[in-house]
Amino acid sequence: MLKLTNPFLEEIKECQKRDQKLVEKLMLIKEGKESDFEVDESGVIRYRGR
């Protein structure tokens, strides 16, 4: 199956891994303690689906 990627979103995803506040936010998301944020199908943290 062919999958299209967006280089800009890939860069965001990689930068999110290095940002301490976003790493902490990701932990809260995984624990179910954060309802405004989610991780989309490509691994990017999004606020209210945006």
PDB file of N, CA and C in Angstrom:
ATOM      1  N   MET A   1       0.839  -1.180   0.000  1.00  0.00           N
ATOM      2  CA  MET A   1       0.000   0.000   0.000  1.00  0.00           C
ATOM      3  C   MET A   1       0.884   1.243   0.000  1.00  0.00           C
ATOM      4  N   LEU A   2       0.516   2.195  -0.804  1.00  0.00           N
ATOM      5  CA  LEU A   2       1.248   3.453  -0.925  1.00  0.00           C
ATOM      6  C   LEU A   2       0.766   4.429   0.142  1.00  0.00           C
ATOM      7  N   LYS A   3       1.712   5.057   0.817  1.00  0.00           N
ATOM      8  CA  LYS A   3       1.356   6.025   1.859  1.00  0.00           C
ATOM      9  C   LYS A   3       2.031   7.352   1.549  1.00  0.00           C
ATOM     10  N   LEU A   4       1.232   8.410   1.484  1.00  0.00           N
ATOM     11  CA  LEU A   4       1.765   9.745   1.249  1.00  0.00           C
ATOM     12  C   LEU A   4       2.187  10.355   2.575  1.00  0.00           C
ATOM     13  N   THR A   5       3.283  11.077   2.549  1.00  0.00           N
ATOM     14  CA  THR A   5       3.746  11.743   3.763  1.00  0.00           C
ATOM     15  C   THR A   5       3.914  13.230   3.485  1.00  0.00           C
ATOM     16  N   ASN A   6       3.761  14.003   4.511  1.00  0.00           N
ATOM     17  CA  ASN A   6       3.942  15.439   4.433  1.00  0.00           C
ATOM     18  C   ASN A   6       5.231  15.766   5.189  1.00  0.00           C
ATOM     19  N   PRO A   7       6.260  16.251   4.495  1.00  0.00           N
ATOM     20  CA  PRO A   7       7.534  16.542   5.167  1.00  0.00           C
ATOM     21  C   PRO A   7       7.384  17.517   6.333  1.00  0.00           C
ATOM     22  N   PHE A   8       6.468  18.461   6.219  1.00  0.00           N
ATOM     23  CA  PHE A   8       6.249  19.426   7.297  1.00  0.00           C
ATOM     24  C   PHE A   8       5.729  18.719   8.548  1.00  0.00           C
ATOM     25  N   LEU A   9       4.752  17.817   8.395  1.00  0.00           N
ATOM     26  CA  LEU A   9       4.222  17.076   9.540  1.00  0.00           C
ATOM     27  C   LEU A   9       5.272  16.134  10.121  1.00  0.00           C
ATOM     28  N   GLU A  10       6.106  15.558   9.274  1.00  0.00           N
ATOM     29  CA  GLU A  10       7.184  14.694   9.760  1.00  0.00           C
ATOM     30  C   GLU A  10       8.160  15.492  10.620  1.00  0.00           C
ATOM     31  N   GLU A  11       8.455  16.712  10.199  1.00  0.00           N
ATOM     32  CA  GLU A  11       9.360  17.571  10.977  1.00  0.00           C
ATOM     33  C   GLU A  11       8.726  17.936  12.323  1.00  0.00           C
ATOM     34  N   ILE A  12       7.432  18.245  12.314  1.00  0.00           N
ATOM     35  CA  ILE A  12       6.723  18.551  13.563  1.00  0.00           C
ATOM     36  C   ILE A  12       6.783  17.359  14.501  1.00  0.00           C
ATOM     37  N   LYS A  13       6.523  16.174  13.971  1.00  0.00           N
ATOM     38  CA  LYS A  13       6.530  14.963  14.797  1.00  0.00           C
ATOM     39  C   LYS A  13       7.893  14.754  15.445  1.00  0.00           C
ATOM     40  N   GLU A  14       8.958  14.946  14.701  1.00  0.00           N
ATOM     41  CA  GLU A  14      10.305  14.772  15.243  1.00  0.00           C
ATOM     42  C   GLU A  14      10.627  15.845  16.283  1.00  0.00           C
ATOM     43  N   CYS A  15      10.209  17.078  16.041  1.00  0.00           N
ATOM     44  CA  CYS A  15      10.462  18.158  17.002  1.00  0.00           C
ATOM     45  C   CYS A  15       9.670  17.953  18.288  1.00  0.00           C
ATOM     46  N   GLN A  16       8.472  17.381  18.181  1.00  0.00           N
ATOM     47  CA  GLN A  16       7.672  17.120  19.372  1.00  0.00           C
ATOM     48  C   GLN A  16       8.372  16.129  20.293  1.00  0.00           C
ATOM     49  N   LYS A  17       9.167  15.244  19.742  1.00  0.00           N
ATOM     50  CA  LYS A  17       9.890  14.254  20.548  1.00  0.00           C
ATOM     51  C   LYS A  17      11.008  14.894  21.368  1.00  0.00           C
ATOM     52  N   ARG A  18      11.473  16.082  20.949  1.00  0.00           N
ATOM     53  CA  ARG A  18      12.579  16.750  21.636  1.00  0.00           C
ATOM     54  C   ARG A  18      12.119  17.863  22.572  1.00  0.00           C
ATOM     55  N   ASP A  19      10.860  18.233  22.498  1.00  0.00           N
ATOM     56  CA  ASP A  19      10.324  19.312  23.331  1.00  0.00           C
ATOM     57  C   ASP A  19       9.840  18.726  24.655  1.00  0.00           C
ATOM     58  N   GLN A  20      10.460  19.135  25.755  1.00  0.00           N
ATOM     59  CA  GLN A  20      10.165  18.543  27.064  1.00  0.00           C
ATOM     60  C   GLN A  20       8.700  18.704  27.460  1.00  0.00           C
ATOM     61  N   LYS A  21       8.127  19.869  27.227  1.00  0.00           N
ATOM     62  CA  LYS A  21       6.720  20.083  27.597  1.00  0.00           C
ATOM     63  C   LYS A  21       5.791  19.184  26.785  1.00  0.00           C
ATOM     64  N   LEU A  22       6.114  18.979  25.509  1.00  0.00           N
ATOM     65  CA  LEU A  22       5.267  18.114  24.686  1.00  0.00           C
ATOM     66  C   LEU A  22       5.462  16.643  25.035  1.00  0.00           C
ATOM     67  N   VAL A  23       6.661  16.275  25.470  1.00  0.00           N
ATOM     68  CA  VAL A  23       6.892  14.903  25.942  1.00  0.00           C
ATOM     69  C   VAL A  23       6.043  14.650  27.186  1.00  0.00           C
ATOM     70  N   GLU A  24       5.999  15.627  28.083  1.00  0.00           N
ATOM     71  CA  GLU A  24       5.153  15.505  29.278  1.00  0.00           C
ATOM     72  C   GLU A  24       3.677  15.434  28.891  1.00  0.00           C
ATOM     73  N   LYS A  25       3.272  16.243  27.909  1.00  0.00           N
ATOM     74  CA  LYS A  25       1.886  16.240  27.439  1.00  0.00           C
ATOM     75  C   LYS A  25       1.540  14.875  26.844  1.00  0.00           C
ATOM     76  N   LEU A  26       2.469  14.288  26.099  1.00  0.00           N
ATOM     77  CA  LEU A  26       2.250  12.970  25.505  1.00  0.00           C
ATOM     78  C   LEU A  26       2.030  11.917  26.584  1.00  0.00           C
ATOM     79  N   MET A  27       2.768  12.009  27.669  1.00  0.00           N
ATOM     80  CA  MET A  27       2.585  11.065  28.776  1.00  0.00           C
ATOM     81  C   MET A  27       1.183  11.203  29.365  1.00  0.00           C
ATOM     82  N   LEU A  28       0.706  12.439  29.528  1.00  0.00           N
ATOM     83  CA  LEU A  28      -0.643  12.664  30.048  1.00  0.00           C
ATOM     84  C   LEU A  28      -1.703  12.120  29.095  1.00  0.00           C
ATOM     85  N   ILE A  29      -1.475  12.288  27.797  1.00  0.00           N
ATOM     86  CA  ILE A  29      -2.409  11.764  26.795  1.00  0.00           C
ATOM     87  C   ILE A  29      -2.491  10.251  26.913  1.00  0.00           C
ATOM     88  N   LYS A  30      -1.335   9.604  26.998  1.00  0.00           N
ATOM     89  CA  LYS A  30      -1.302   8.137  27.077  1.00  0.00           C
ATOM     90  C   LYS A  30      -1.946   7.619  28.355  1.00  0.00           C
ATOM     91  N   GLU A  31      -1.871   8.399  29.438  1.00  0.00           N
ATOM     92  CA  GLU A  31      -2.476   8.006  30.713  1.00  0.00           C
ATOM     93  C   GLU A  31      -3.967   8.334  30.763  1.00  0.00           C
ATOM     94  N   GLY A  32      -4.477   8.997  29.735  1.00  0.00           N
ATOM     95  CA  GLY A  32      -5.886   9.364  29.696  1.00  0.00           C
ATOM     96  C   GLY A  32      -6.236  10.559  30.559  1.00  0.00           C
ATOM     97  N   LYS A  33      -5.228  11.340  30.927  1.00  0.00           N
ATOM     98  CA  LYS A  33      -5.435  12.496  31.807  1.00  0.00           C
ATOM     99  C   LYS A  33      -5.556  13.811  31.042  1.00  0.00           C
ATOM    100  N   GLU A  34      -5.465  13.754  29.740  1.00  0.00           N
ATOM    101  CA  GLU A  34      -5.535  14.961  28.918  1.00  0.00           C
ATOM    102  C   GLU A  34      -6.618  14.768  27.864  1.00  0.00           C
ATOM    103  N   SER A  35      -7.666  15.600  27.924  1.00  0.00           N
ATOM    104  CA  SER A  35      -8.778  15.415  27.000  1.00  0.00           C
ATOM    105  C   SER A  35      -8.751  16.377  25.811  1.00  0.00           C
ATOM    106  N   ASP A  36      -8.065  17.497  25.927  1.00  0.00           N
ATOM    107  CA  ASP A  36      -8.025  18.457  24.827  1.00  0.00           C
ATOM    108  C   ASP A  36      -7.016  18.080  23.748  1.00  0.00           C
ATOM    109  N   PHE A  37      -6.044  17.254  24.099  1.00  0.00           N
ATOM    110  CA  PHE A  37      -5.007  16.862  23.159  1.00  0.00           C
ATOM    111  C   PHE A  37      -5.170  15.398  22.786  1.00  0.00           C
ATOM    112  N   GLU A  38      -4.713  15.058  21.576  1.00  0.00           N
ATOM    113  CA  GLU A  38      -4.730  13.669  21.120  1.00  0.00           C
ATOM    114  C   GLU A  38      -3.563  13.455  20.162  1.00  0.00           C
ATOM    115  N   VAL A  39      -3.245  12.212  19.919  1.00  0.00           N
ATOM    116  CA  VAL A  39      -2.208  11.863  18.953  1.00  0.00           C
ATOM    117  C   VAL A  39      -2.918  11.310  17.726  1.00  0.00           C
ATOM    118  N   ASP A  40      -2.651  11.898  16.557  1.00  0.00           N
ATOM    119  CA  ASP A  40      -3.328  11.436  15.348  1.00  0.00           C
ATOM    120  C   ASP A  40      -2.687  10.165  14.807  1.00  0.00           C
ATOM    121  N   GLU A  41      -3.213   9.671  13.687  1.00  0.00           N
ATOM    122  CA  GLU A  41      -2.754   8.399  13.124  1.00  0.00           C
ATOM    123  C   GLU A  41      -1.305   8.425  12.658  1.00  0.00           C
ATOM    124  N   SER A  42      -0.752   9.620  12.434  1.00  0.00           N
ATOM    125  CA  SER A  42       0.646   9.712  12.015  1.00  0.00           C
ATOM    126  C   SER A  42       1.586  10.029  13.170  1.00  0.00           C
ATOM    127  N   GLY A  43       1.046  10.114  14.403  1.00  0.00           N
ATOM    128  CA  GLY A  43       1.889  10.320  15.573  1.00  0.00           C
ATOM    129  C   GLY A  43       2.107  11.762  15.968  1.00  0.00           C
ATOM    130  N   VAL A  44       1.332  12.685  15.395  1.00  0.00           N
ATOM    131  CA  VAL A  44       1.460  14.106  15.699  1.00  0.00           C
ATOM    132  C   VAL A  44       0.466  14.471  16.800  1.00  0.00           C
ATOM    133  N   ILE A  45       0.946  15.199  17.806  1.00  0.00           N
ATOM    134  CA  ILE A  45       0.069  15.666  18.879  1.00  0.00           C
ATOM    135  C   ILE A  45      -0.774  16.814  18.332  1.00  0.00           C
ATOM    136  N   ARG A  46      -2.087  16.709  18.537  1.00  0.00           N
ATOM    137  CA  ARG A  46      -3.004  17.743  18.044  1.00  0.00           C
ATOM    138  C   ARG A  46      -3.889  18.245  19.180  1.00  0.00           C
ATOM    139  N   TYR A  47      -4.224  19.523  19.109  1.00  0.00           N
ATOM    140  CA  TYR A  47      -5.107  20.155  20.090  1.00  0.00           C
ATOM    141  C   TYR A  47      -6.506  20.228  19.500  1.00  0.00           C
ATOM    142  N   ARG A  48      -7.425  19.527  20.130  1.00  0.00           N
ATOM    143  CA  ARG A  48      -8.824  19.494  19.691  1.00  0.00           C
ATOM    144  C   ARG A  48      -8.953  19.179  18.205  1.00  0.00           C
ATOM    145  N   GLY A  49      -8.144  18.233  17.738  1.00  0.00           N
ATOM    146  CA  GLY A  49      -8.225  17.768  16.359  1.00  0.00           C
ATOM    147  C   GLY A  49      -7.592  18.664  15.320  1.00  0.00           C
ATOM    148  N   ARG A  50      -6.900  19.696  15.757  1.00  0.00           N
ATOM    149  CA  ARG A  50      -6.292  20.633  14.791  1.00  0.00           C
ATOM    150  C   ARG A  50      -4.807  20.453  14.723  1.00  0.00           C
TER     151      ARG A  50
END
